[in-house]
Amino acid sequence: MDTLLINFVLGISFGCILFLLATGLSLTLGLMQIVNLAHGALYLVGAYVGLTVAQVTGSFLAGVLAGGIAAALMTSI
């Protein structure tokens, strides 16, 4: 029963994250009225670096921090 509840809560939280990303992209791209794929590239780089660091170190927090830093560095380039 605990596993079912944990999976339910994780599914809801992941769905909320996807909703926030989709809403932000929709609002940004809708107001600019152009297709800008740079936002998706930033999410992709941050997620890839974060996942890689989390798998290597075994620390989710280190992965989140590394993903955020990588995305921030991509914006400054």
PDB file of N, CA and C in Angstrom:
ATOM      1  N   MET A   1       0.821  -1.195   0.000  1.00  0.00           N
ATOM      2  CA  MET A   1       0.000   0.000   0.000  1.00  0.00           C
ATOM      3  C   MET A   1       0.864   1.257   0.000  1.00  0.00           C
ATOM      4  N   ASP A   2       1.979   1.200   0.746  1.00  0.00           N
ATOM      5  CA  ASP A   2       2.864   2.360   0.786  1.00  0.00           C
ATOM      6  C   ASP A   2       3.469   2.637  -0.581  1.00  0.00           C
ATOM      7  N   THR A   3       3.815   1.583  -1.302  1.00  0.00           N
ATOM      8  CA  THR A   3       4.409   1.759  -2.625  1.00  0.00           C
ATOM      9  C   THR A   3       3.419   2.418  -3.576  1.00  0.00           C
ATOM     10  N   LEU A   4       2.173   2.025  -3.499  1.00  0.00           N
ATOM     11  CA  LEU A   4       1.146   2.621  -4.353  1.00  0.00           C
ATOM     12  C   LEU A   4       0.971   4.105  -4.039  1.00  0.00           C
ATOM     13  N   LEU A   5       0.961   4.445  -2.766  1.00  0.00           N
ATOM     14  CA  LEU A   5       0.811   5.841  -2.368  1.00  0.00           C
ATOM     15  C   LEU A   5       2.021   6.673  -2.800  1.00  0.00           C
ATOM     16  N   ILE A   6       3.221   6.126  -2.643  1.00  0.00           N
ATOM     17  CA  ILE A   6       4.430   6.842  -3.053  1.00  0.00           C
ATOM     18  C   ILE A   6       4.431   7.068  -4.561  1.00  0.00           C
ATOM     19  N   ASN A   7       4.086   6.042  -5.321  1.00  0.00           N
ATOM     20  CA  ASN A   7       4.030   6.187  -6.777  1.00  0.00           C
ATOM     21  C   ASN A   7       2.973   7.199  -7.200  1.00  0.00           C
ATOM     22  N   PHE A   8       1.866   7.232  -6.503  1.00  0.00           N
ATOM     23  CA  PHE A   8       0.817   8.201  -6.810  1.00  0.00           C
ATOM     24  C   PHE A   8       1.305   9.622  -6.562  1.00  0.00           C
ATOM     25  N   VAL A   9       1.937   9.843  -5.421  1.00  0.00           N
ATOM     26  CA  VAL A   9       2.433  11.186  -5.086  1.00  0.00           C
ATOM     27  C   VAL A   9       3.530  11.614  -6.052  1.00  0.00           C
ATOM     28  N   LEU A  10       4.437  10.703  -6.401  1.00  0.00           N
ATOM     29  CA  LEU A  10       5.497  11.032  -7.357  1.00  0.00           C
ATOM     30  C   LEU A  10       4.916  11.331  -8.739  1.00  0.00           C
ATOM     31  N   GLY A  11       3.908  10.603  -9.141  1.00  0.00           N
ATOM     32  CA  GLY A  11       3.265  10.861 -10.426  1.00  0.00           C
ATOM     33  C   GLY A  11       2.585  12.217 -10.466  1.00  0.00           C
ATOM     34  N   ILE A  12       1.913  12.563  -9.394  1.00  0.00           N
ATOM     35  CA  ILE A  12       1.261  13.872  -9.317  1.00  0.00           C
ATOM     36  C   ILE A  12       2.304  14.995  -9.351  1.00  0.00           C
ATOM     37  N   SER A  13       3.397  14.841  -8.600  1.00  0.00           N
ATOM     38  CA  SER A  13       4.417  15.892  -8.563  1.00  0.00           C
ATOM     39  C   SER A  13       5.110  16.032  -9.909  1.00  0.00           C
ATOM     40  N   PHE A  14       5.390  14.919 -10.586  1.00  0.00           N
ATOM     41  CA  PHE A  14       6.006  14.987 -11.910  1.00  0.00           C
ATOM     42  C   PHE A  14       5.052  15.627 -12.913  1.00  0.00           C
ATOM     43  N   GLY A  15       3.778  15.314 -12.811  1.00  0.00           N
ATOM     44  CA  GLY A  15       2.786  15.939 -13.676  1.00  0.00           C
ATOM     45  C   GLY A  15       2.707  17.441 -13.458  1.00  0.00           C
ATOM     46  N   CYS A  16       2.832  17.869 -12.194  1.00  0.00           N
ATOM     47  CA  CYS A  16       2.828  19.316 -11.903  1.00  0.00           C
ATOM     48  C   CYS A  16       4.053  20.000 -12.497  1.00  0.00           C
ATOM     49  N   ILE A  17       5.202  19.355 -12.431  1.00  0.00           N
ATOM     50  CA  ILE A  17       6.415  19.924 -13.021  1.00  0.00           C
ATOM     51  C   ILE A  17       6.251  20.058 -14.534  1.00  0.00           C
ATOM     52  N   LEU A  18       5.742  19.028 -15.165  1.00  0.00           N
ATOM     53  CA  LEU A  18       5.528  19.090 -16.613  1.00  0.00           C
ATOM     54  C   LEU A  18       4.513  20.168 -16.975  1.00  0.00           C
ATOM     55  N   PHE A  19       3.488  20.326 -16.148  1.00  0.00           N
ATOM     56  CA  PHE A  19       2.497  21.372 -16.390  1.00  0.00           C
ATOM     57  C   PHE A  19       3.135  22.756 -16.312  1.00  0.00           C
ATOM     58  N   LEU A  20       3.972  22.981 -15.299  1.00  0.00           N
ATOM     59  CA  LEU A  20       4.626  24.277 -15.159  1.00  0.00           C
ATOM     60  C   LEU A  20       5.565  24.566 -16.333  1.00  0.00           C
ATOM     61  N   LEU A  21       6.320  23.564 -16.768  1.00  0.00           N
ATOM     62  CA  LEU A  21       7.192  23.757 -17.926  1.00  0.00           C
ATOM     63  C   LEU A  21       6.388  24.061 -19.183  1.00  0.00           C
ATOM     64  N   ALA A  22       5.339  23.302 -19.412  1.00  0.00           N
ATOM     65  CA  ALA A  22       4.526  23.507 -20.605  1.00  0.00           C
ATOM     66  C   ALA A  22       3.823  24.852 -20.583  1.00  0.00           C
ATOM     67  N   THR A  23       3.328  25.252 -19.422  1.00  0.00           N
ATOM     68  CA  THR A  23       2.665  26.545 -19.315  1.00  0.00           C
ATOM     69  C   THR A  23       3.635  27.692 -19.560  1.00  0.00           C
ATOM     70  N   GLY A  24       4.826  27.598 -18.983  1.00  0.00           N
ATOM     71  CA  GLY A  24       5.830  28.638 -19.193  1.00  0.00           C
ATOM     72  C   GLY A  24       6.255  28.744 -20.649  1.00  0.00           C
ATOM     73  N   LEU A  25       6.488  27.595 -21.279  1.00  0.00           N
ATOM     74  CA  LEU A  25       6.870  27.624 -22.691  1.00  0.00           C
ATOM     75  C   LEU A  25       5.737  28.140 -23.557  1.00  0.00           C
ATOM     76  N   SER A  26       4.511  27.721 -23.266  1.00  0.00           N
ATOM     77  CA  SER A  26       3.375  28.164 -24.054  1.00  0.00           C
ATOM     78  C   SER A  26       3.179  29.670 -23.924  1.00  0.00           C
ATOM     79  N   LEU A  27       3.299  30.174 -22.711  1.00  0.00           N
ATOM     80  CA  LEU A  27       3.146  31.605 -22.491  1.00  0.00           C
ATOM     81  C   LEU A  27       4.264  32.383 -23.177  1.00  0.00           C
ATOM     82  N   THR A  28       5.496  31.933 -23.018  1.00  0.00           N
ATOM     83  CA  THR A  28       6.634  32.625 -23.615  1.00  0.00           C
ATOM     84  C   THR A  28       6.558  32.621 -25.135  1.00  0.00           C
ATOM     85  N   LEU A  29       6.345  31.451 -25.703  1.00  0.00           N
ATOM     86  CA  LEU A  29       6.315  31.357 -27.156  1.00  0.00           C
ATOM     87  C   LEU A  29       5.052  31.993 -27.734  1.00  0.00           C
ATOM     88  N   GLY A  30       3.962  31.962 -26.992  1.00  0.00           N
ATOM     89  CA  GLY A  30       2.726  32.577 -27.472  1.00  0.00           C
ATOM     90  C   GLY A  30       2.807  34.091 -27.506  1.00  0.00           C
ATOM     91  N   LEU A  31       3.454  34.673 -26.517  1.00  0.00           N
ATOM     92  CA  LEU A  31       3.575  36.128 -26.490  1.00  0.00           C
ATOM     93  C   LEU A  31       4.566  36.630 -27.533  1.00  0.00           C
ATOM     94  N   MET A  32       5.632  35.849 -27.780  1.00  0.00           N
ATOM     95  CA  MET A  32       6.627  36.283 -28.761  1.00  0.00           C
ATOM     96  C   MET A  32       6.167  36.020 -30.190  1.00  0.00           C
ATOM     97  N   GLN A  33       5.232  35.124 -30.360  1.00  0.00           N
ATOM     98  CA  GLN A  33       4.686  34.735 -31.655  1.00  0.00           C
ATOM     99  C   GLN A  33       5.760  34.256 -32.625  1.00  0.00           C
ATOM    100  N   ILE A  34       6.815  33.676 -32.096  1.00  0.00           N
ATOM    101  CA  ILE A  34       7.839  33.026 -32.912  1.00  0.00           C
ATOM    102  C   ILE A  34       8.189  31.709 -32.253  1.00  0.00           C
ATOM    103  N   VAL A  35       8.789  30.836 -33.008  1.00  0.00           N
ATOM    104  CA  VAL A  35       9.222  29.561 -32.453  1.00  0.00           C
ATOM    105  C   VAL A  35      10.661  29.730 -31.979  1.00  0.00           C
ATOM    106  N   ASN A  36      10.870  29.589 -30.691  1.00  0.00           N
ATOM    107  CA  ASN A  36      12.198  29.707 -30.110  1.00  0.00           C
ATOM    108  C   ASN A  36      12.509  28.390 -29.414  1.00  0.00           C
ATOM    109  N   LEU A  37      13.393  27.624 -29.985  1.00  0.00           N
ATOM    110  CA  LEU A  37      13.704  26.314 -29.437  1.00  0.00           C
ATOM    111  C   LEU A  37      14.834  26.366 -28.416  1.00  0.00           C
ATOM    112  N   ALA A  38      15.342  27.551 -28.109  1.00  0.00           N
ATOM    113  CA  ALA A  38      16.439  27.669 -27.159  1.00  0.00           C
ATOM    114  C   ALA A  38      16.008  27.259 -25.756  1.00  0.00           C
ATOM    115  N   HIS A  39      14.751  27.518 -25.391  1.00  0.00           N
ATOM    116  CA  HIS A  39      14.292  27.143 -24.059  1.00  0.00           C
ATOM    117  C   HIS A  39      14.322  25.632 -23.880  1.00  0.00           C
ATOM    118  N   GLY A  40      13.896  24.919 -24.895  1.00  0.00           N
ATOM    119  CA  GLY A  40      13.938  23.464 -24.839  1.00  0.00           C
ATOM    120  C   GLY A  40      15.355  22.944 -24.752  1.00  0.00           C
ATOM    121  N   ALA A  41      16.287  23.600 -25.429  1.00  0.00           N
ATOM    122  CA  ALA A  41      17.689  23.193 -25.374  1.00  0.00           C
ATOM    123  C   ALA A  41      18.256  23.412 -23.976  1.00  0.00           C
ATOM    124  N   LEU A  42      17.850  24.493 -23.319  1.00  0.00           N
ATOM    125  CA  LEU A  42      18.324  24.731 -21.956  1.00  0.00           C
ATOM    126  C   LEU A  42      17.808  23.659 -21.002  1.00  0.00           C
ATOM    127  N   TYR A  43      16.531  23.295 -21.121  1.00  0.00           N
ATOM    128  CA  TYR A  43      15.990  22.233 -20.280  1.00  0.00           C
ATOM    129  C   TYR A  43      16.706  20.922 -20.552  1.00  0.00           C
ATOM    130  N   LEU A  44      16.986  20.655 -21.822  1.00  0.00           N
ATOM    131  CA  LEU A  44      17.649  19.411 -22.194  1.00  0.00           C
ATOM    132  C   LEU A  44      19.047  19.344 -21.604  1.00  0.00           C
ATOM    133  N   VAL A  45      19.823  20.407 -21.712  1.00  0.00           N
ATOM    134  CA  VAL A  45      21.178  20.414 -21.176  1.00  0.00           C
ATOM    135  C   VAL A  45      21.154  20.272 -19.658  1.00  0.00           C
ATOM    136  N   GLY A  46      20.288  21.026 -19.003  1.00  0.00           N
ATOM    137  CA  GLY A  46      20.197  20.932 -17.547  1.00  0.00           C
ATOM    138  C   GLY A  46      19.784  19.544 -17.081  1.00  0.00           C
ATOM    139  N   ALA A  47      18.825  18.946 -17.756  1.00  0.00           N
ATOM    140  CA  ALA A  47      18.364  17.611 -17.372  1.00  0.00           C
ATOM    141  C   ALA A  47      19.440  16.559 -17.627  1.00  0.00           C
ATOM    142  N   TYR A  48      20.140  16.671 -18.744  1.00  0.00           N
ATOM    143  CA  TYR A  48      21.181  15.686 -19.069  1.00  0.00           C
ATOM    144  C   TYR A  48      22.333  15.763 -18.066  1.00  0.00           C
ATOM    145  N   VAL A  49      22.797  16.969 -17.788  1.00  0.00           N
ATOM    146  CA  VAL A  49      23.896  17.132 -16.836  1.00  0.00           C
ATOM    147  C   VAL A  49      23.449  16.701 -15.441  1.00  0.00           C
ATOM    148  N   GLY A  50      22.252  17.088 -15.047  1.00  0.00           N
ATOM    149  CA  GLY A  50      21.742  16.709 -13.731  1.00  0.00           C
ATOM    150  C   GLY A  50      21.604  15.211 -13.568  1.00  0.00           C
ATOM    151  N   LEU A  51      21.081  14.542 -14.576  1.00  0.00           N
ATOM    152  CA  LEU A  51      20.934  13.088 -14.505  1.00  0.00           C
ATOM    153  C   LEU A  51      22.287  12.397 -14.453  1.00  0.00           C
ATOM    154  N   THR A  52      23.220  12.870 -15.260  1.00  0.00           N
ATOM    155  CA  THR A  52      24.552  12.265 -15.281  1.00  0.00           C
ATOM    156  C   THR A  52      25.251  12.436 -13.933  1.00  0.00           C
ATOM    157  N   VAL A  53      25.206  13.626 -13.379  1.00  0.00           N
ATOM    158  CA  VAL A  53      25.854  13.865 -12.084  1.00  0.00           C
ATOM    159  C   VAL A  53      25.162  13.064 -10.982  1.00  0.00           C
ATOM    160  N   ALA A  54      23.845  12.990 -11.020  1.00  0.00           N
ATOM    161  CA  ALA A  54      23.113  12.235 -10.004  1.00  0.00           C
ATOM    162  C   ALA A  54      23.450  10.748 -10.070  1.00  0.00           C
ATOM    163  N   GLN A  55      23.626  10.217 -11.267  1.00  0.00           N
ATOM    164  CA  GLN A  55      23.968   8.800 -11.396  1.00  0.00           C
ATOM    165  C   GLN A  55      25.402   8.528 -10.961  1.00  0.00           C
ATOM    166  N   VAL A  56      26.308   9.444 -11.272  1.00  0.00           N
ATOM    167  CA  VAL A  56      27.712   9.226 -10.925  1.00  0.00           C
ATOM    168  C   VAL A  56      27.938   9.387  -9.427  1.00  0.00           C
ATOM    169  N   THR A  57      27.375  10.442  -8.846  1.00  0.00           N
ATOM    170  CA  THR A  57      27.611  10.696  -7.425  1.00  0.00           C
ATOM    171  C   THR A  57      26.623   9.976  -6.514  1.00  0.00           C
ATOM    172  N   GLY A  58      25.473   9.635  -7.031  1.00  0.00           N
ATOM    173  CA  GLY A  58      24.448   9.016  -6.206  1.00  0.00           C
ATOM    174  C   GLY A  58      23.677  10.012  -5.368  1.00  0.00           C
ATOM    175  N   SER A  59      23.876  11.300  -5.629  1.00  0.00           N
ATOM    176  CA  SER A  59      23.215  12.342  -4.858  1.00  0.00           C
ATOM    177  C   SER A  59      22.278  13.135  -5.764  1.00  0.00           C
ATOM    178  N   PHE A  60      21.000  13.107  -5.428  1.00  0.00           N
ATOM    179  CA  PHE A  60      20.016  13.843  -6.212  1.00  0.00           C
ATOM    180  C   PHE A  60      20.249  15.341  -6.102  1.00  0.00           C
ATOM    181  N   LEU A  61      20.595  15.804  -4.915  1.00  0.00           N
ATOM    182  CA  LEU A  61      20.831  17.232  -4.707  1.00  0.00           C
ATOM    183  C   LEU A  61      21.997  17.735  -5.548  1.00  0.00           C
ATOM    184  N   ALA A  62      23.058  16.943  -5.635  1.00  0.00           N
ATOM    185  CA  ALA A  62      24.199  17.334  -6.474  1.00  0.00           C
ATOM    186  C   ALA A  62      23.785  17.397  -7.943  1.00  0.00           C
ATOM    187  N   GLY A  63      22.918  16.491  -8.367  1.00  0.00           N
ATOM    188  CA  GLY A  63      22.430  16.507  -9.738  1.00  0.00           C
ATOM    189  C   GLY A  63      21.589  17.726 -10.045  1.00  0.00           C
ATOM    190  N   VAL A  64      20.733  18.101  -9.100  1.00  0.00           N
ATOM    191  CA  VAL A  64      19.891  19.295  -9.282  1.00  0.00           C
ATOM    192  C   VAL A  64      20.755  20.549  -9.374  1.00  0.00           C
ATOM    193  N   LEU A  65      21.725  20.653  -8.478  1.00  0.00           N
ATOM    194  CA  LEU A  65      22.614  21.813  -8.490  1.00  0.00           C
ATOM    195  C   LEU A  65      23.446  21.871  -9.771  1.00  0.00           C
ATOM    196  N   ALA A  66      23.986  20.731 -10.194  1.00  0.00           N
ATOM    197  CA  ALA A  66      24.800  20.707 -11.403  1.00  0.00           C
ATOM    198  C   ALA A  66      23.958  21.020 -12.634  1.00  0.00           C
ATOM    199  N   GLY A  67      22.733  20.532 -12.688  1.00  0.00           N
ATOM    200  CA  GLY A  67      21.848  20.837 -13.808  1.00  0.00           C
ATOM    201  C   GLY A  67      21.504  22.306 -13.881  1.00  0.00           C
ATOM    202  N   GLY A  68      21.234  22.910 -12.735  1.00  0.00           N
ATOM    203  CA  GLY A  68      20.943  24.342 -12.699  1.00  0.00           C
ATOM    204  C   GLY A  68      22.133  25.183 -13.111  1.00  0.00           C
ATOM    205  N   ILE A  69      23.309  24.789 -12.646  1.00  0.00           N
ATOM    206  CA  ILE A  69      24.522  25.523 -13.000  1.00  0.00           C
ATOM    207  C   ILE A  69      24.814  25.381 -14.493  1.00  0.00           C
ATOM    208  N   ALA A  70      24.642  24.180 -15.030  1.00  0.00           N
ATOM    209  CA  ALA A  70      24.890  23.969 -16.464  1.00  0.00           C
ATOM    210  C   ALA A  70      23.932  24.796 -17.325  1.00  0.00           C
ATOM    211  N   ALA A  71      22.665  24.838 -16.936  1.00  0.00           N
ATOM    212  CA  ALA A  71      21.694  25.645 -17.696  1.00  0.00           C
ATOM    213  C   ALA A  71      22.020  27.127 -17.579  1.00  0.00           C
ATOM    214  N   ALA A  72      22.446  27.558 -16.389  1.00  0.00           N
ATOM    215  CA  ALA A  72      22.812  28.972 -16.211  1.00  0.00           C
ATOM    216  C   ALA A  72      24.034  29.323 -17.048  1.00  0.00           C
ATOM    217  N   LEU A  73      24.993  28.424 -17.125  1.00  0.00           N
ATOM    218  CA  LEU A  73      26.176  28.672 -17.940  1.00  0.00           C
ATOM    219  C   LEU A  73      25.827  28.728 -19.431  1.00  0.00           C
ATOM    220  N   MET A  74      24.846  27.934 -19.828  1.00  0.00           N
ATOM    221  CA  MET A  74      24.438  27.952 -21.255  1.00  0.00           C
ATOM    222  C   MET A  74      23.782  29.276 -21.622  1.00  0.00           C
ATOM    223  N   THR A  75      23.122  29.921 -20.670  1.00  0.00           N
ATOM    224  CA  THR A  75      22.486  31.193 -20.978  1.00  0.00           C
ATOM    225  C   THR A  75      23.509  32.313 -21.110  1.00  0.00           C
ATOM    226  N   SER A  76      24.658  32.160 -20.447  1.00  0.00           N
ATOM    227  CA  SER A  76      25.664  33.211 -20.508  1.00  0.00           C
ATOM    228  C   SER A  76      26.572  33.095 -21.727  1.00  0.00           C
ATOM    229  N   ILE A  77      26.464  32.005 -22.447  1.00  0.00           N
ATOM    230  CA  ILE A  77      27.310  31.815 -23.652  1.00  0.00           C
ATOM    231  C   ILE A  77      26.735  32.570 -24.816  1.00  0.00           C
TER     232      ILE A  77
END
